[in-house]
Protein backbone atom coordinates (compact mmCIF):
# COMPACT_ATOMS: atom_id res chain seq x y z
CA UNK A 1 73.74 205.60 -165.95
CA UNK A 2 71.17 204.49 -163.37
CA UNK A 3 71.55 201.22 -161.55
CA UNK A 4 68.53 199.83 -163.30
CA UNK A 5 70.18 200.56 -166.64
CA UNK A 6 73.42 198.64 -165.94
CA UNK A 7 73.88 196.12 -168.80
CA UNK A 8 73.22 192.56 -167.66
CA UNK A 9 76.61 191.32 -168.98
CA UNK A 10 78.52 194.04 -167.09
CA UNK A 11 76.62 193.23 -163.90
CA UNK A 12 77.37 189.52 -164.22
CA UNK A 13 81.07 190.17 -164.93
CA UNK A 14 81.33 192.56 -161.98
CA UNK A 15 79.68 190.12 -159.60
CA UNK A 16 81.92 187.36 -160.93
CA UNK A 17 85.03 189.44 -160.26
CA UNK A 18 83.84 190.21 -156.73
CA UNK A 19 83.28 186.49 -156.14
CA UNK A 20 86.75 185.63 -157.48
CA UNK A 21 88.37 188.22 -155.22
CA UNK A 22 86.35 187.04 -152.21
CA UNK A 23 87.22 183.40 -152.82
CA UNK A 24 90.86 184.22 -153.43
CA UNK A 25 91.22 186.28 -150.27
CA UNK A 26 89.08 184.24 -147.86
CA UNK A 27 88.35 180.67 -148.89
CA UNK A 28 91.93 179.47 -148.73
CA UNK A 29 93.04 181.40 -145.64
CA UNK A 30 95.60 179.38 -143.67
CA UNK A 31 97.05 179.73 -140.19
CA UNK A 32 100.59 178.91 -141.37
CA UNK A 33 100.48 181.09 -144.48
CA UNK A 34 103.97 182.40 -145.29
CA UNK A 35 105.35 180.84 -142.08
CA UNK A 36 109.14 180.52 -142.21
CA UNK A 37 111.29 177.86 -140.60
CA UNK A 38 112.10 180.37 -137.84
CA UNK A 39 108.38 181.09 -137.31
CA UNK A 40 107.60 177.38 -137.02
CA UNK A 41 110.50 176.78 -134.65
CA UNK A 42 109.42 179.68 -132.45
CA UNK A 43 105.89 178.31 -132.42
CA UNK A 44 107.16 174.92 -131.28
CA UNK A 45 109.43 176.52 -128.70
CA UNK A 46 106.54 178.48 -127.25
CA UNK A 47 104.24 175.47 -127.26
CA UNK A 48 101.83 177.03 -129.76
CA UNK A 49 102.59 174.24 -132.21
CA UNK A 50 104.08 170.79 -132.19
CA UNK A 51 105.67 169.08 -135.14
CA UNK A 52 102.57 166.88 -135.27
CA UNK A 53 100.16 169.83 -135.35
CA UNK A 54 102.21 171.51 -138.10
CA UNK A 55 102.18 168.35 -140.20
CA UNK A 56 98.44 167.97 -139.60
CA UNK A 57 97.77 171.54 -140.72
CA UNK A 58 99.78 171.13 -143.90
CA UNK A 59 98.08 167.81 -144.70
CA UNK A 60 94.66 169.40 -144.20
CA UNK A 61 95.62 172.18 -146.57
CA UNK A 62 96.90 169.66 -149.12
CA UNK A 63 93.49 167.99 -149.04
CA UNK A 64 91.68 171.31 -149.35
CA UNK A 65 93.57 172.98 -152.20
CA UNK A 66 95.98 170.46 -153.70
CA UNK A 67 93.61 167.54 -154.12
CA UNK A 68 90.38 169.56 -154.19
CA UNK A 69 89.61 173.28 -154.59
CA UNK A 70 92.07 174.78 -157.10
CA UNK A 71 93.59 171.27 -157.37
CA UNK A 72 97.23 172.33 -157.71
CA UNK A 73 98.39 168.68 -157.86
CA UNK A 74 101.82 169.46 -156.46
CA UNK A 75 101.93 166.47 -154.08
CA UNK A 76 102.36 163.07 -155.70
CA UNK A 77 102.33 161.05 -152.46
CA UNK A 78 101.94 161.70 -148.74
CA UNK A 79 104.18 159.86 -146.32
CA UNK A 80 101.92 157.55 -144.27
CA UNK A 81 104.47 157.69 -141.45
CA UNK A 82 104.72 161.49 -141.34
CA UNK A 83 102.69 161.88 -138.15
CA UNK A 84 104.55 159.09 -136.37
CA UNK A 85 107.87 160.71 -137.30
CA UNK A 86 106.58 164.06 -136.04
CA UNK A 87 105.54 162.43 -132.75
CA UNK A 88 109.04 161.03 -132.30
CA UNK A 89 110.61 164.43 -132.96
CA UNK A 90 108.19 166.08 -130.54
CA UNK A 91 109.32 163.62 -127.89
CA UNK A 92 112.94 164.49 -128.61
CA UNK A 93 112.04 168.16 -128.17
CA UNK A 94 110.43 167.43 -124.81
CA UNK A 95 113.63 165.59 -123.88
CA UNK A 96 115.58 168.71 -124.94
CA UNK A 97 117.31 166.83 -127.75
CA UNK A 98 116.78 169.32 -130.55
CA UNK A 99 118.85 168.42 -133.59
CA UNK A 100 118.93 171.85 -135.22
CA UNK A 101 116.83 174.42 -137.12
CA UNK A 102 115.04 171.76 -139.19
CA UNK A 103 113.91 169.74 -136.15
CA UNK A 104 110.24 168.87 -136.66
CA UNK A 105 109.94 170.85 -139.93
CA UNK A 106 108.03 169.13 -142.78
CA UNK A 107 110.00 168.86 -146.03
CA UNK A 108 108.63 167.76 -149.42
CA UNK A 109 110.99 165.87 -151.74
CA UNK A 110 110.94 165.75 -155.52
CA UNK A 111 109.93 162.29 -156.73
CA UNK A 112 113.41 161.68 -158.11
CA UNK A 113 114.99 161.48 -154.64
CA UNK A 114 115.21 158.00 -153.10
CA UNK A 115 113.62 157.38 -149.71
CA UNK A 116 113.84 153.90 -148.17
CA UNK A 117 110.40 154.10 -146.57
CA UNK A 118 106.78 153.64 -147.63
CA UNK A 119 107.06 156.39 -150.23
CA UNK A 120 107.74 155.55 -153.87
CA UNK A 121 110.51 157.02 -155.98
CA UNK A 122 109.41 156.88 -159.61
CA UNK A 123 110.38 160.04 -161.49
CA UNK A 124 106.66 160.40 -162.09
CA UNK A 125 106.49 157.21 -164.17
CA UNK A 126 104.47 154.06 -163.58
CA UNK A 127 107.50 152.10 -164.78
CA UNK A 128 109.12 152.29 -161.33
CA UNK A 129 105.96 152.11 -159.24
CA UNK A 130 106.19 149.40 -156.60
CA UNK A 131 109.94 148.91 -157.05
CA UNK A 132 111.65 149.73 -153.72
CA UNK A 133 114.91 151.62 -153.36
CA UNK A 134 117.79 149.87 -151.55
CA UNK A 135 118.47 152.76 -149.17
CA UNK A 136 117.94 156.46 -148.57
CA UNK A 137 119.52 158.99 -150.87
CA UNK A 138 122.19 161.15 -149.27
CA UNK A 139 119.73 164.06 -149.35
CA UNK A 140 117.07 162.10 -147.47
CA UNK A 141 119.63 160.81 -144.97
CA UNK A 142 120.89 164.34 -144.26
CA UNK A 143 117.38 165.68 -143.80
CA UNK A 144 116.41 162.90 -141.41
CA UNK A 145 119.62 163.50 -139.44
CA UNK A 146 118.70 167.19 -139.21
CA UNK A 147 115.29 166.28 -137.75
CA UNK A 148 113.13 167.08 -140.78
CA UNK A 149 109.84 165.27 -141.36
CA UNK A 150 109.75 163.96 -144.92
CA UNK A 151 106.08 164.71 -145.53
CA UNK A 152 105.81 163.32 -149.04
CA UNK A 153 106.94 163.35 -152.64
CA UNK A 154 106.31 166.18 -155.08
CA UNK A 155 104.97 165.80 -158.58
CA UNK A 156 107.49 166.57 -161.32
CA UNK A 157 108.02 166.60 -165.05
CA UNK A 158 108.28 162.89 -165.80
CA UNK A 159 111.87 161.61 -165.91
CA UNK A 160 113.13 165.11 -165.15
CA UNK A 161 111.83 166.52 -168.44
CA UNK A 162 114.12 164.09 -170.26
CA UNK A 163 111.40 162.11 -172.06
CA UNK A 164 109.89 164.23 -174.81
CA UNK A 165 110.68 167.33 -176.83
CA UNK A 166 107.00 168.33 -176.43
CA UNK A 167 106.65 167.74 -172.69
CA UNK A 168 104.69 170.05 -170.42
CA UNK A 169 106.53 171.06 -167.25
CA UNK A 170 104.82 169.58 -164.22
CA UNK A 171 103.14 166.68 -166.03
CA UNK A 172 103.79 163.10 -165.06
CA UNK A 173 101.81 159.96 -165.70
CA UNK A 174 101.41 159.30 -161.97
CA UNK A 175 100.66 162.85 -160.91
CA UNK A 176 98.96 164.53 -163.85
CA UNK A 177 99.54 168.23 -164.49
CA UNK A 178 100.71 170.50 -161.68
CA UNK A 179 99.25 174.01 -161.88
CA UNK A 180 100.78 177.37 -161.08
CA UNK A 181 99.08 178.64 -157.89
CA UNK A 182 99.21 182.25 -159.08
CA UNK A 183 97.41 181.71 -162.38
CA UNK A 184 95.97 178.20 -162.55
CA UNK A 185 96.23 178.07 -166.33
CA UNK A 186 99.93 178.98 -166.27
CA UNK A 187 102.83 176.56 -166.24
CA UNK A 188 104.62 175.87 -162.91
CA UNK A 189 107.89 175.46 -164.87
CA UNK A 190 110.84 173.11 -164.64
CA UNK A 191 110.96 169.46 -163.68
CA UNK A 192 110.85 170.45 -159.97
CA UNK A 193 107.52 172.14 -160.63
CA UNK A 194 105.62 170.28 -157.92
CA UNK A 195 108.21 171.30 -155.35
CA UNK A 196 107.95 174.93 -156.41
CA UNK A 197 104.16 175.06 -156.57
CA UNK A 198 103.77 173.41 -153.15
CA UNK A 199 106.03 175.95 -151.44
CA UNK A 200 104.36 178.87 -153.24
CA UNK A 201 100.88 177.66 -152.25
CA UNK A 202 101.90 177.28 -148.58
CA UNK A 203 101.42 173.52 -148.72
CA UNK A 204 104.83 173.16 -147.05
CA UNK A 205 107.56 175.55 -145.96
CA UNK A 206 110.43 173.64 -147.56
CA UNK A 207 110.77 171.50 -150.65
CA UNK A 208 113.77 169.94 -152.35
CA UNK A 209 114.15 170.17 -156.09
CA UNK A 210 116.77 168.90 -158.50
CA UNK A 211 118.19 170.63 -161.56
CA UNK A 212 120.07 169.75 -164.70
CA UNK A 213 119.28 173.06 -166.47
CA UNK A 214 116.76 175.40 -164.87
CA UNK A 215 114.67 172.91 -162.91
CA UNK A 216 115.23 174.61 -159.54
CA UNK A 217 115.47 178.26 -160.58
CA UNK A 218 112.68 178.14 -163.16
CA UNK A 219 109.98 176.95 -160.71
CA UNK A 220 111.38 179.47 -158.23
CA UNK A 221 110.87 182.27 -160.74
CA UNK A 222 107.48 181.04 -161.97
CA UNK A 223 106.11 180.53 -158.45
CA UNK A 224 107.57 183.65 -156.78
CA UNK A 225 109.81 181.77 -154.36
CA UNK A 226 113.53 181.37 -153.69
CA UNK A 227 115.54 178.60 -155.30
CA UNK A 228 119.22 177.79 -154.79
CA UNK A 229 120.88 175.65 -157.45
CA UNK A 230 124.20 174.84 -155.72
CA UNK A 231 127.61 174.21 -157.20
CA UNK A 232 127.66 170.68 -158.58
CA UNK A 233 129.44 168.63 -155.91
CA UNK A 234 128.22 170.65 -152.93
CA UNK A 235 125.29 168.24 -152.43
CA UNK A 236 125.63 164.51 -153.12
CA UNK A 237 123.53 163.08 -155.95
CA UNK A 238 123.75 159.51 -154.63
CA UNK A 239 120.30 157.96 -154.62
CA UNK A 240 118.75 160.37 -157.09
CA UNK A 241 117.25 159.47 -160.46
CA UNK A 242 119.90 161.06 -162.70
CA UNK A 243 119.76 163.09 -165.87
CA UNK A 244 123.36 164.19 -166.42
CA UNK A 245 125.96 163.89 -163.63
CA UNK A 246 128.07 166.82 -164.83
CA UNK A 247 125.06 169.09 -164.26
CA UNK A 248 122.76 167.27 -161.79
CA UNK A 249 122.29 168.68 -158.31
CA UNK A 250 119.62 168.93 -155.63
CA UNK A 251 118.79 172.19 -153.90
CA UNK A 252 116.23 173.97 -151.70
CA UNK A 253 113.03 175.73 -152.73
CA UNK A 254 111.62 178.00 -150.01
CA UNK A 255 109.79 181.30 -149.63
CA UNK A 256 112.78 183.19 -148.21
CA UNK A 257 116.52 183.31 -148.72
CA UNK A 258 117.03 182.68 -145.00
CA UNK A 259 115.07 179.43 -145.16
CA UNK A 260 116.99 178.33 -148.26
CA UNK A 261 120.26 179.01 -146.44
CA UNK A 262 119.14 176.87 -143.49
CA UNK A 263 118.23 173.96 -145.73
CA UNK A 264 121.35 174.17 -147.88
CA UNK A 265 123.54 173.79 -144.80
CA UNK A 266 121.75 170.57 -143.89
CA UNK A 267 122.32 169.08 -147.35
CA UNK A 268 126.08 169.50 -147.67
CA UNK A 269 128.72 166.90 -146.88
CA UNK A 270 131.32 164.56 -148.37
CA UNK A 271 129.78 161.34 -149.65
CA UNK A 272 131.85 158.38 -150.89
CA UNK A 273 128.91 157.37 -153.08
CA UNK A 274 129.33 160.59 -155.05
CA UNK A 275 133.05 161.29 -155.74
CA UNK A 276 132.20 164.77 -157.02
CA UNK A 277 131.53 165.86 -153.44
CA UNK A 278 135.24 165.45 -152.66
CA UNK A 279 135.76 168.69 -154.60
CA UNK A 280 133.66 170.51 -152.00
CA UNK A 281 136.05 169.66 -149.17
CA UNK A 282 136.99 172.96 -147.53
CA UNK A 283 134.45 174.80 -149.71
CA UNK A 284 131.17 173.85 -148.03
CA UNK A 285 129.45 174.96 -144.84
CA UNK A 286 126.95 173.31 -142.54
CA UNK A 287 125.61 176.75 -141.66
CA UNK A 288 124.95 179.24 -144.45
CA UNK A 289 122.87 181.53 -142.25
CA UNK A 290 126.09 183.17 -141.12
CA UNK A 291 126.16 184.87 -144.53
CA UNK A 292 122.72 186.50 -144.18
CA UNK A 293 123.56 190.19 -144.14
CA UNK A 294 120.88 192.85 -144.75
CA UNK A 295 123.69 195.18 -145.86
CA UNK A 296 125.19 192.55 -148.15
CA UNK A 297 124.73 194.68 -151.27
CA UNK A 298 126.85 197.52 -149.92
CA UNK A 299 130.10 197.55 -151.90
CA UNK A 300 129.14 194.48 -153.95
CA UNK A 301 130.17 194.57 -157.60
CA UNK A 302 127.16 193.45 -159.64
CA UNK A 303 127.40 192.84 -163.38
CA UNK A 304 124.28 193.06 -165.52
CA UNK A 305 124.17 190.44 -168.28
CA UNK A 306 122.11 192.42 -170.79
CA UNK A 307 122.33 189.66 -173.36
CA UNK A 308 119.86 187.71 -171.21
CA UNK A 309 117.29 190.51 -171.36
CA UNK A 310 114.62 190.86 -174.03
CA UNK A 311 112.13 188.19 -173.04
CA UNK A 312 109.50 190.87 -172.52
CA UNK A 313 109.67 194.64 -172.06
CA UNK A 314 107.80 194.43 -168.75
CA UNK A 315 110.29 191.86 -167.44
CA UNK A 316 113.12 194.19 -168.39
CA UNK A 317 111.35 197.01 -166.55
CA UNK A 318 111.04 194.90 -163.39
CA UNK A 319 114.72 193.94 -163.47
CA UNK A 320 115.77 197.53 -164.17
CA UNK A 321 113.73 198.58 -161.14
CA UNK A 322 115.57 195.94 -159.11
CA UNK A 323 118.92 197.22 -160.36
CA UNK A 324 118.01 200.68 -159.07
CA UNK A 325 117.24 199.15 -155.67
CA UNK A 326 120.67 197.51 -155.64
CA UNK A 327 122.28 200.85 -156.44
CA UNK A 328 120.39 202.46 -153.56
CA UNK A 329 121.68 199.69 -151.27
CA UNK A 330 125.26 200.61 -152.13
CA UNK A 331 126.07 198.11 -154.88
CA UNK A 332 128.43 199.09 -157.67
CA UNK A 333 126.63 198.24 -160.91
CA UNK A 334 128.61 197.33 -164.02
CA UNK A 335 126.21 197.53 -166.93
CA UNK A 336 126.53 195.78 -169.29
CA UNK A 337 128.62 192.81 -168.20
CA UNK A 338 127.57 190.20 -170.71
CA UNK A 339 128.42 186.51 -170.72
CA UNK A 340 129.90 186.66 -174.20
CA UNK A 341 129.73 182.92 -174.86
CA UNK A 342 125.95 182.73 -174.32
CA UNK A 343 124.30 180.84 -177.15
CA UNK A 344 127.45 178.97 -178.21
CA UNK A 345 127.07 175.70 -176.29
CA UNK A 346 123.45 174.64 -176.75
CA UNK A 347 124.24 171.81 -179.16
CA UNK A 348 127.16 170.51 -177.11
CA UNK A 349 125.03 170.60 -173.96
CA UNK A 350 122.41 168.43 -175.66
CA UNK A 351 125.07 165.96 -176.77
CA UNK A 352 126.40 165.64 -173.22
CA UNK A 353 122.89 165.29 -171.79
CA UNK A 354 121.99 162.45 -174.16
CA UNK A 355 125.17 160.49 -173.51
CA UNK A 356 125.11 160.98 -169.75
CA UNK A 357 121.39 160.39 -169.43
CA UNK A 358 121.62 156.95 -171.00
CA UNK A 359 124.71 155.89 -169.05
CA UNK A 360 123.66 157.23 -165.65
CA UNK A 361 120.00 156.27 -165.83
CA UNK A 362 120.72 152.71 -166.84
CA UNK A 363 123.26 152.43 -164.03
CA UNK A 364 120.66 153.76 -161.59
CA UNK A 365 117.94 151.37 -162.84
CA UNK A 366 120.17 148.40 -162.11
CA UNK A 367 120.38 149.49 -158.46
CA UNK A 368 116.60 149.37 -158.14
CA UNK A 369 115.74 145.88 -159.31
CA UNK A 370 117.04 142.94 -161.31
CA UNK A 371 113.57 142.28 -162.69
CA UNK A 372 112.30 145.81 -163.38
CA UNK A 373 113.38 148.10 -166.24
CA UNK A 374 117.13 147.96 -166.81
CA UNK A 375 117.58 150.09 -169.92
CA UNK A 376 116.02 152.98 -171.81
CA UNK A 377 114.74 150.40 -174.28
CA UNK A 378 112.89 148.75 -171.41
CA UNK A 379 111.34 152.08 -170.45
CA UNK A 380 110.24 152.72 -174.02
CA UNK A 381 108.71 149.25 -174.18
CA UNK A 382 106.85 149.96 -170.94
CA UNK A 383 105.53 153.23 -172.36
CA UNK A 384 104.30 151.52 -175.51
CA UNK A 385 102.60 148.79 -173.50
CA UNK A 386 100.94 151.38 -171.27
CA UNK A 387 100.37 154.10 -173.85
CA UNK A 388 97.08 155.33 -172.40
CA UNK A 389 98.77 155.96 -169.05
CA UNK A 390 102.22 157.11 -170.12
CA UNK A 391 101.76 158.77 -173.49
CA UNK A 392 98.31 160.34 -173.72
CA UNK A 393 99.74 163.72 -174.80
CA UNK A 394 103.35 163.36 -175.97
CA UNK A 395 105.82 160.67 -176.95
CA UNK A 396 109.35 159.76 -175.79
CA UNK A 397 111.60 161.32 -178.43
CA UNK A 398 114.39 162.10 -175.96
CA UNK A 399 114.45 158.46 -174.88
CA UNK A 400 114.86 157.51 -178.53
CA UNK A 401 117.71 159.99 -179.04
CA UNK A 402 119.48 158.97 -175.83
CA UNK A 403 119.20 155.28 -176.65
CA UNK A 404 121.38 155.87 -179.72
CA UNK A 405 124.22 157.36 -177.65
CA UNK A 406 127.36 155.31 -177.21
CA UNK A 407 129.67 154.90 -174.22
CA UNK A 408 131.19 157.88 -172.40
CA UNK A 409 134.54 157.12 -174.02
CA UNK A 410 133.35 158.25 -177.46
CA UNK A 411 135.05 161.28 -178.98
CA UNK A 412 131.76 163.03 -179.72
CA UNK A 413 130.89 163.04 -176.01
CA UNK A 414 134.36 164.03 -174.80
CA UNK A 415 134.60 166.88 -177.31
CA UNK A 416 131.17 168.18 -176.34
CA UNK A 417 132.03 167.99 -172.65
CA UNK A 418 135.25 169.92 -173.22
CA UNK A 419 133.37 172.57 -175.22
CA UNK A 420 130.80 172.93 -172.43
CA UNK A 421 133.41 173.42 -169.73
CA UNK A 422 135.37 175.90 -171.81
CA UNK A 423 132.48 178.05 -173.06
CA UNK A 424 130.18 177.97 -170.03
CA UNK A 425 132.82 178.12 -167.30
CA UNK A 426 136.33 179.22 -168.35
CA UNK A 427 135.43 181.57 -171.21
CA UNK A 428 131.91 182.24 -169.95
CA UNK A 429 131.10 182.91 -166.30
CA UNK A 430 134.71 182.84 -165.06
CA UNK A 431 135.84 185.24 -167.76
CA UNK A 432 132.94 187.63 -167.09
CA UNK A 433 133.56 187.67 -163.35
CA UNK A 434 137.28 188.27 -163.86
CA UNK A 435 136.94 190.88 -166.61
CA UNK A 436 134.71 193.14 -164.52
CA UNK A 437 135.87 192.12 -161.04
CA UNK A 438 132.36 190.97 -160.13
CA UNK A 439 130.86 189.38 -157.05
CA UNK A 440 127.79 188.27 -158.99
CA UNK A 441 126.13 188.36 -162.39
CA UNK A 442 122.48 189.47 -162.52
CA UNK A 443 119.81 188.84 -165.16
CA UNK A 444 116.13 187.91 -165.38
CA UNK A 445 115.76 184.26 -164.42
CA UNK A 446 113.53 184.03 -167.44
CA UNK A 447 110.40 185.54 -168.96
CA UNK A 448 106.72 185.33 -168.00
CA UNK A 449 105.83 181.68 -167.63
CA UNK A 450 103.83 180.24 -170.53
CA UNK A 451 100.31 178.79 -170.33
CA UNK A 452 100.04 175.05 -169.76
CA UNK A 453 100.01 173.37 -173.18
CA UNK A 454 99.68 169.59 -173.26
CA UNK A 455 99.46 169.59 -177.06
CA UNK A 456 102.54 171.58 -178.08
CA UNK A 457 104.45 171.44 -174.78
CA UNK A 458 106.55 174.19 -173.20
CA UNK A 459 107.91 177.16 -175.10
CA UNK A 460 110.44 178.53 -172.65
CA UNK A 461 112.40 181.00 -174.77
CA UNK A 462 110.91 183.26 -177.46
CA UNK A 463 111.58 181.62 -180.84
CA UNK A 464 113.42 184.67 -182.17
CA UNK A 465 116.12 184.35 -179.49
CA UNK A 466 118.92 181.99 -180.53
CA UNK A 467 120.89 182.12 -177.27
CA UNK A 468 120.40 179.93 -174.25
CA UNK A 469 118.23 181.13 -171.41
CA UNK A 470 119.79 182.54 -168.23
CA UNK A 471 120.03 179.22 -166.30
CA UNK A 472 122.06 177.47 -169.02
CA UNK A 473 125.52 178.93 -168.37
CA UNK A 474 125.58 178.19 -164.60
CA UNK A 475 123.93 174.81 -165.21
CA UNK A 476 126.47 173.71 -167.82
CA UNK A 477 129.37 175.17 -165.83
CA UNK A 478 128.10 173.51 -162.64
CA UNK A 479 128.09 176.87 -160.85
CA UNK A 480 125.67 178.25 -158.24
CA UNK A 481 122.56 180.17 -159.20
CA UNK A 482 119.96 181.78 -156.92
CA UNK A 483 116.56 183.03 -158.10
CA UNK A 484 114.61 185.50 -155.95
CA UNK A 485 111.16 187.06 -156.59
CA UNK A 486 111.36 190.28 -158.60
CA UNK A 487 107.68 191.17 -159.07
CA UNK A 488 104.72 190.28 -161.25
CA UNK A 489 103.44 190.91 -164.77
CA UNK A 490 99.64 190.73 -164.95
CA UNK A 491 99.80 188.53 -161.88
CA UNK A 492 102.46 186.21 -163.35
CA UNK A 493 105.60 185.98 -161.14
CA UNK A 494 109.05 186.93 -162.41
CA UNK A 495 112.40 186.08 -160.78
CA UNK A 496 115.81 187.73 -160.76
CA UNK A 497 118.98 185.62 -160.95
CA UNK A 498 122.23 185.94 -159.00
CA UNK A 499 125.03 183.85 -160.53
CA UNK A 500 128.62 183.33 -159.41
CA UNK A 501 131.66 181.11 -159.74
CA UNK A 502 132.22 177.70 -158.21
CA UNK A 503 131.41 177.53 -154.47
CA UNK A 504 130.44 181.20 -154.30
CA UNK A 505 127.23 180.36 -152.40
CA UNK A 506 128.24 182.50 -149.36
CA UNK A 507 128.58 185.63 -151.51
CA UNK A 508 125.43 184.96 -153.51
CA UNK A 509 123.38 184.28 -150.38
CA UNK A 510 124.63 187.53 -148.83
CA UNK A 511 123.70 189.53 -151.93
CA UNK A 512 120.36 187.76 -152.53
CA UNK A 513 119.32 188.17 -148.90
CA UNK A 514 120.10 191.90 -148.92
CA UNK A 515 118.11 192.26 -152.14
CA UNK A 516 115.16 190.36 -150.68
CA UNK A 517 115.22 192.44 -147.50
CA UNK A 518 115.25 195.66 -149.53
CA UNK A 519 112.41 194.64 -151.86
CA UNK A 520 110.14 191.98 -150.31
CA UNK A 521 108.42 191.49 -153.65
CA UNK A 522 106.85 188.13 -152.85
CA UNK A 523 103.08 188.02 -152.35
CA UNK A 524 101.16 184.81 -151.63
CA UNK A 525 99.13 183.41 -154.55
CA UNK A 526 95.40 183.95 -155.01
CA UNK A 527 94.77 180.90 -157.23
CA UNK A 528 93.30 182.99 -160.04
CA UNK A 529 91.46 181.16 -162.77
CA UNK A 530 92.83 183.40 -165.53
CA UNK A 531 95.44 186.05 -166.26
CA UNK A 532 94.80 189.56 -164.92
CA UNK A 533 95.47 190.86 -168.45
CA UNK A 534 92.24 189.33 -169.75
C-alpha cells in the first residue's frame, strides 16, 4: 500500500499512539525518577542536593502531574512547613548532626495518621476537617526523630474503606478519586491508595500506609512498588484513625525492598499508648537493612499456596515465572503448600471488623474534640447533612452495620475473634509453615487491578471464587506480608506475596530482597490513558 493510500483512521490512530508514547516518555521526565533513599542521601552527602532542593523538586512534580497533567490526585495536602523543616535538617547536616538514613528524606503519610502540625488528619472525610489532633501519632513522632520531612498527607479510601460496600478504592470526599499512574483508568487499590500511587509516580520516595486487610499490599501490587505489612504490634497504632485493632497496622510503601527495610526500622518501638507493642519486645529491630542479602533465596524453603492462584491465567504465568527464578537462586520450592483454612473465616472477620470499628473509632473520635463527631451516628448525620460532598456516588452501609454492633464483651464478637485466630493463624499460616517446614509462603498478591468504578465500586476477587484473597490470612492472623513487583499484564502491574509467621520480618525481607535483586521487574509508570490490551 502506498503512503497516499493509508486509510485516514489508521493514520490518525498511528499518530495518536506516537504522541502518547512521546508524552509518556518525555513530558514527565524527572531528575529524581526512581531515586532511592540511598541515592538521595548520597546526593546530599556530595552536595548535589539538599533536603530543601529535594522537597522543592518533589513539590514541583506534584504540581505538574498530581494536580495537573495526568492528575493522579495522590496528595491530599502539602505540609506548609515542609521547606522550613528541610532547612532545619540541612543545618543539622552542616553541623554534622545526621540522625540516620532518613535524615532530610521527604515522607508522605496516609491521611489516617495524626500529625500535630498544620496538616489535617481526616480519613478523607469533611467530618473531621478543621478539628486538630492533640499530639503526633507514634508513627509521626518516630519519623520526625529519624529526621524525615513529613511532606504531606496522602489521599485514601474514605474512613479506610470502612464506609460503604460499594466504595471505590482511592476515593474520598476531600481528595476525590486517586488514579493508577500506570493506567489512569485503573484502580490504585486499597485504602492506602494515595500512598501507593504517589510512590509509584515518583512524587515521593517513601510513603506510609495502613492496613486492616490488604490496604498496604494491594496498592503495592497495583502500583508496582514494595509494601511491608508488619506483624501487628511491631509498629504502634497510637494516634491513627482505627478500623480494627486486632488487624490494624502502619507500614512502608517504597520502590525497593531496601528502602522499605530502612523505613520499617524507624517505625518500630515499644509504646505505652499501644499495649500491643509490648509483644514486640525482643522481636523488633531498629535496623532491618542488616537482613538485606542478595543470596537470601539460597536454601530458603518456599511454599506455593496454589489455592490463591486462579485470578487470571496471565497472573499465574507471571508467578510461575517468578517461582522458576527462585529455584534458580537456590530456593527449595514446595508446591503446593496450601493454606487449607482459606475461605473459612470471611464471615467471622467481618463480624470482628464491625464490632471493633465501632468501639475503636468512637474512642478515637472522643480524643479529637468534645464538640465534633463523637459516634458513628454523628458521622452518618454529617454525611446526610452534606450529601452532595460526602455521598455523591455511594452510601454508608458499613457505618449502618457497625452502628448496630454491641460492646466487645458480647459472645458473638468473642466467638468470631476466637475463630479468626484459630483459622487464620494456628490452623492456617502456622500450620502450613510447620507442615512443610517453610520460611515463607508465596502467592499472587492479587489479580489485575480493576478499572475505577464509582457506580458499582471495587470488585477485588472474581465472583466465582468463594475463598478470601491472599492478604486475608496474614491480615486476620496479624502476621507480616510483603508484596514485591512481579511483572505486568497489558501494562497493569502485578505483585507477588511473601508471607510468614509472627515477627518473621527479617526472613521475609531477606527472601524478598533476593527475589527483587534477581528479577528487577519494576518499571516506572507512563501514565497511559487506556489499557495496552485495547
